[in-house]
Amino acid sequence: MKEKLKERLDVFSDAIIAILITIMVLELPVEIQGQSVHYAQLFHAVGI
């Protein structure tokens, strides 16, 4: 049972890392207005 749980955790962590790397390499349009970031536009670009 421990082996199966460890295998699932490894697969899950690999998937999370793959998603993070994909988001990092995307060119996301970030609009900075004054001193703040326009988060609504950023989330829309990511697809959330």
Protein backbone atom coordinates (compact mmCIF):
# COMPACT_ATOMS: atom_id res chain seq x y z
CA MET A 1 0.00 0.00 0.00
CA LYS A 2 2.83 2.42 0.80
CA GLU A 3 4.39 1.85 -2.61
CA LYS A 4 1.15 2.71 -4.39
CA LEU A 5 0.70 5.87 -2.33
CA LYS A 6 4.30 6.92 -2.98
CA GLU A 7 3.83 6.30 -6.71
CA ARG A 8 0.68 8.44 -6.77
CA LEU A 9 2.44 11.22 -4.88
CA ASP A 10 5.34 11.12 -7.36
CA VAL A 11 2.96 11.35 -10.31
CA PHE A 12 1.04 14.20 -8.66
CA SER A 13 4.19 16.20 -7.92
CA ASP A 14 5.46 15.64 -11.48
CA ALA A 15 2.17 16.96 -12.85
CA ILE A 16 2.30 20.06 -10.63
CA ILE A 17 5.87 20.78 -11.70
CA ALA A 18 4.91 20.36 -15.37
CA ILE A 19 2.03 22.81 -14.99
CA LEU A 20 4.23 25.36 -13.24
CA ILE A 21 6.93 25.13 -15.91
CA THR A 22 4.31 25.55 -18.65
CA ILE A 23 2.91 28.68 -17.02
CA MET A 24 6.43 30.06 -16.53
CA VAL A 25 7.32 29.84 -20.22
CA LEU A 26 4.09 31.42 -21.47
CA GLU A 27 4.22 35.08 -22.41
CA LEU A 28 1.46 36.44 -20.24
CA PRO A 29 0.28 40.01 -20.81
CA VAL A 30 0.73 41.76 -17.49
CA GLU A 31 -0.47 45.34 -17.36
CA ILE A 32 1.02 47.47 -14.61
CA GLN A 33 -1.00 50.53 -13.66
CA GLY A 34 0.97 52.81 -11.37
CA GLN A 35 2.31 50.58 -8.63
CA SER A 36 -0.22 47.73 -8.97
CA VAL A 37 -0.68 44.80 -11.35
CA HIS A 38 -4.00 44.34 -13.17
CA TYR A 39 -4.73 40.82 -11.83
CA ALA A 40 -8.05 40.37 -13.63
CA GLN A 41 -6.29 40.56 -16.99
CA LEU A 42 -3.58 38.19 -15.78
CA PHE A 43 -6.10 35.58 -14.57
CA HIS A 44 -8.05 35.90 -17.81
CA ALA A 45 -4.85 35.23 -19.79
CA VAL A 46 -4.08 32.14 -17.71
CA GLY A 47 -7.62 30.89 -18.21
CA ILE A 48 -8.87 30.91 -14.64
